[in-house]
């Protein structure tokens, strides 16, 4: 989420809004759209929108405008009941507490979402289905390698006949074990 008013102003992208409603990214020296600002927000990039003429911080207005466009484009996320409650809080004695409450609620939601995703990834990684998928992949790779020519064999009449079936099975088992270790390493890295 875009944070405004942070102390580290070097990381803050300054966007100027001109009277003709155009937005100008001072870092990239290019005109941008509200969709671009929405993308920056989703990426967690910090930006501040200022009125080009007055220098006033209008980030709040622009973020509200982005929400309005998202809501009107069919991406409705804010329920009517919530909007009514929010509107009813304007002018209420509790109005000053609402911004902090909403920020804390969104932060808690974000943390819970991260915990849920981590729990799901952990349960899938260690599930019997993941083990079954690893075994199936290893068997498929072993079977496909059995049908492909071996690197250490050379074609020609001087080459002796294929090794005994016991040697081939031992070689396949070794390959299968090596592949299983590689799969396990890949899964652990995720």
Protein backbone atom coordinates (compact mmCIF):
# COMPACT_ATOMS: atom_id res chain seq x y z
CA UNK A 1 0.00 0.00 0.00
CA UNK A 2 1.12 3.52 -0.67
CA UNK A 3 2.19 5.32 2.42
CA UNK A 4 2.33 9.06 2.46
CA UNK A 5 4.20 11.31 4.77
CA UNK A 6 7.01 8.85 5.52
CA UNK A 7 10.34 10.13 6.78
CA UNK A 8 12.39 8.49 4.02
CA UNK A 9 11.46 10.82 1.17
CA UNK A 10 14.09 9.34 -1.19
CA UNK A 11 11.90 6.29 -1.77
CA UNK A 12 8.72 8.32 -2.29
CA UNK A 13 7.76 8.81 -5.93
CA UNK A 14 6.41 12.32 -6.45
CA UNK A 15 3.49 12.58 -8.83
CA UNK A 16 2.31 15.99 -9.98
CA UNK A 17 -1.30 16.55 -10.97
CA UNK A 18 -1.83 19.37 -13.42
CA UNK A 19 -4.96 21.47 -13.99
CA UNK A 20 -5.71 19.47 -17.13
CA UNK A 21 -6.07 16.40 -14.82
CA UNK A 22 -2.90 14.79 -16.18
CA UNK A 23 -0.58 13.00 -13.78
CA UNK A 24 3.18 13.34 -14.17
CA UNK A 25 5.71 10.96 -12.59
CA UNK A 26 8.70 13.14 -11.68
CA UNK A 27 10.99 10.11 -11.22
CA UNK A 28 10.44 8.62 -14.68
CA UNK A 29 9.65 11.97 -16.34
CA UNK A 30 6.51 10.57 -17.93
CA UNK A 31 2.77 11.05 -17.84
CA UNK A 32 0.90 8.26 -16.11
CA UNK A 33 -2.66 7.11 -15.47
CA UNK A 34 -4.69 6.23 -12.41
CA UNK A 35 -4.30 2.59 -13.43
CA UNK A 36 -0.54 3.00 -13.16
CA UNK A 37 -0.93 4.47 -9.65
CA UNK A 38 -3.18 1.53 -8.72
CA UNK A 39 -0.43 -0.81 -9.94
CA UNK A 40 2.18 1.04 -7.86
CA UNK A 41 -0.10 0.72 -4.84
CA UNK A 42 -0.51 -3.03 -5.35
CA UNK A 43 3.27 -3.36 -5.66
CA UNK A 44 3.74 -1.55 -2.35
CA UNK A 45 5.53 1.41 -3.94
CA UNK A 46 5.39 4.64 -1.95
CA UNK A 47 4.15 7.72 -3.79
CA UNK A 48 2.77 11.15 -3.06
CA UNK A 49 0.52 13.12 -5.38
CA UNK A 50 0.83 16.90 -5.25
CA UNK A 51 -1.11 19.61 -6.99
CA UNK A 52 1.32 21.06 -9.55
CA UNK A 53 0.07 24.61 -9.02
CA UNK A 54 -0.33 24.82 -5.24
CA UNK A 55 1.99 22.03 -4.06
CA UNK A 56 -0.79 20.65 -1.82
CA UNK A 57 -0.70 16.93 -1.00
CA UNK A 58 -3.72 15.42 -2.77
CA UNK A 59 -2.74 11.75 -2.38
CA UNK A 60 -5.88 11.00 -0.37
CA UNK A 61 -8.12 12.39 -3.11
CA UNK A 62 -6.32 10.42 -5.83
CA UNK A 63 -6.46 7.15 -3.86
CA UNK A 64 -10.18 7.73 -3.29
CA UNK A 65 -10.58 8.35 -7.03
CA UNK A 66 -8.79 5.05 -7.77
CA UNK A 67 -11.17 3.23 -5.42
CA UNK A 68 -14.15 4.89 -7.13
CA UNK A 69 -12.93 3.76 -10.55
CA UNK A 70 -12.28 0.21 -9.33
CA UNK A 71 -15.73 0.06 -7.73
CA UNK A 72 -17.46 1.40 -10.85
CA UNK A 73 -15.62 -0.98 -13.20
CA UNK A 74 -17.26 -4.04 -11.68
CA UNK A 75 -14.51 -4.76 -9.16
CA UNK A 76 -16.84 -3.99 -6.27
CA UNK A 77 -15.29 -4.86 -2.96
CA UNK A 78 -16.98 -2.44 -0.58
CA UNK A 79 -20.45 -3.64 0.45
CA UNK A 80 -23.30 -1.13 0.46
CA UNK A 81 -23.83 -1.61 4.21
CA UNK A 82 -20.20 -0.77 4.90
CA UNK A 83 -20.38 2.35 2.72
CA UNK A 84 -23.53 3.51 4.52
CA UNK A 85 -21.89 2.99 7.91
CA UNK A 86 -18.81 4.84 6.76
CA UNK A 87 -20.85 7.78 5.47
CA UNK A 88 -22.84 7.90 8.69
CA UNK A 89 -19.59 8.32 10.65
CA UNK A 90 -18.78 11.66 8.98
CA UNK A 91 -19.62 14.40 11.46
CA UNK A 92 -20.01 11.84 14.25
CA UNK A 93 -18.02 12.24 17.45
CA UNK A 94 -16.26 8.96 16.59
CA UNK A 95 -15.05 10.24 13.20
CA UNK A 96 -11.51 10.92 14.37
CA UNK A 97 -11.09 7.32 15.58
CA UNK A 98 -12.28 5.65 12.38
CA UNK A 99 -9.08 6.11 10.28
CA UNK A 100 -6.87 4.48 12.90
CA UNK A 101 -9.40 1.69 13.41
CA UNK A 102 -9.61 0.98 9.67
CA UNK A 103 -5.81 1.01 9.31
CA UNK A 104 -5.40 -1.39 12.24
CA UNK A 105 -8.12 -3.65 10.82
CA UNK A 106 -6.49 -3.77 7.39
CA UNK A 107 -3.07 -4.47 8.93
CA UNK A 108 -4.55 -7.33 10.98
CA UNK A 109 -6.30 -8.66 7.87
CA UNK A 110 -3.04 -8.54 5.89
CA UNK A 111 -1.13 -10.39 8.63
CA UNK A 112 -3.82 -13.05 8.92
CA UNK A 113 -3.82 -13.46 5.14
CA UNK A 114 -0.04 -14.01 5.16
CA UNK A 115 -0.33 -16.56 7.99
CA UNK A 116 -3.11 -18.38 6.15
CA UNK A 117 -1.08 -18.52 2.92
CA UNK A 118 1.98 -19.81 4.81
CA UNK A 119 -0.12 -22.44 6.56
CA UNK A 120 -1.65 -23.57 3.27
CA UNK A 121 1.75 -23.77 1.56
CA UNK A 122 3.19 -25.71 4.49
CA UNK A 123 0.31 -28.15 4.60
CA UNK A 124 0.43 -28.76 0.86
CA UNK A 125 4.22 -29.16 0.82
CA UNK A 126 4.09 -31.83 3.53
CA UNK A 127 0.87 -33.47 2.41
CA UNK A 128 0.57 -37.02 1.10
CA UNK A 129 -0.42 -35.53 -2.27
CA UNK A 130 2.90 -33.70 -2.56
CA UNK A 131 4.76 -36.92 -1.75
CA UNK A 132 2.68 -38.79 -4.32
CA UNK A 133 3.40 -36.09 -6.92
CA UNK A 134 7.14 -36.34 -6.23
CA UNK A 135 7.03 -40.14 -6.57
CA UNK A 136 5.03 -39.95 -9.80
CA UNK A 137 7.46 -37.43 -11.26
CA UNK A 138 10.45 -39.56 -10.29
CA UNK A 139 8.89 -42.68 -11.84
CA UNK A 140 8.04 -40.77 -15.01
CA UNK A 141 11.58 -39.43 -15.31
CA UNK A 142 13.04 -42.88 -14.68
CA UNK A 143 10.76 -44.42 -17.30
CA UNK A 144 11.54 -41.74 -19.86
CA UNK A 145 15.29 -42.09 -19.26
CA UNK A 146 15.01 -45.83 -19.85
CA UNK A 147 13.76 -45.15 -23.38
CA UNK A 148 16.31 -42.48 -24.22
CA UNK A 149 19.83 -43.43 -25.29
CA UNK A 150 22.33 -43.51 -22.45
CA UNK A 151 25.16 -40.97 -22.60
CA UNK A 152 27.86 -43.44 -21.71
CA UNK A 153 26.96 -45.85 -24.52
CA UNK A 154 28.52 -45.38 -27.92
CA UNK A 155 26.98 -46.76 -31.04
CA UNK A 156 29.09 -49.09 -33.11
CA UNK A 157 30.01 -52.70 -33.62
CA UNK A 158 32.82 -52.65 -31.05
CA UNK A 159 30.33 -51.87 -28.22
CA UNK A 160 29.36 -54.96 -26.21
CA UNK A 161 25.70 -55.89 -25.83
CA UNK A 162 23.57 -54.14 -23.20
CA UNK A 163 24.52 -54.72 -19.58
CA UNK A 164 22.67 -57.36 -17.67
CA UNK A 165 19.19 -56.54 -16.42
CA UNK A 166 20.46 -56.40 -12.79
CA UNK A 167 22.96 -53.69 -13.74
CA UNK A 168 20.25 -51.73 -15.56
CA UNK A 169 17.90 -51.96 -12.57
CA UNK A 170 20.65 -50.80 -10.22
CA UNK A 171 21.42 -47.89 -12.54
CA UNK A 172 17.73 -46.95 -12.71
CA UNK A 173 17.47 -47.09 -8.93
CA UNK A 174 20.48 -44.81 -8.58
CA UNK A 175 19.00 -42.37 -11.07
CA UNK A 176 15.66 -42.51 -9.27
CA UNK A 177 17.32 -41.79 -5.92
CA UNK A 178 19.26 -38.87 -7.38
CA UNK A 179 16.09 -37.43 -8.92
CA UNK A 180 14.21 -37.85 -5.65
CA UNK A 181 16.93 -35.88 -3.85
CA UNK A 182 16.72 -33.13 -6.47
CA UNK A 183 12.92 -32.97 -6.14
CA UNK A 184 13.15 -32.87 -2.36
CA UNK A 185 15.70 -30.03 -2.60
CA UNK A 186 13.44 -28.10 -4.97
CA UNK A 187 10.43 -28.53 -2.70
CA UNK A 188 12.41 -27.40 0.34
CA UNK A 189 13.57 -24.25 -1.49
CA UNK A 190 9.99 -23.18 -2.15
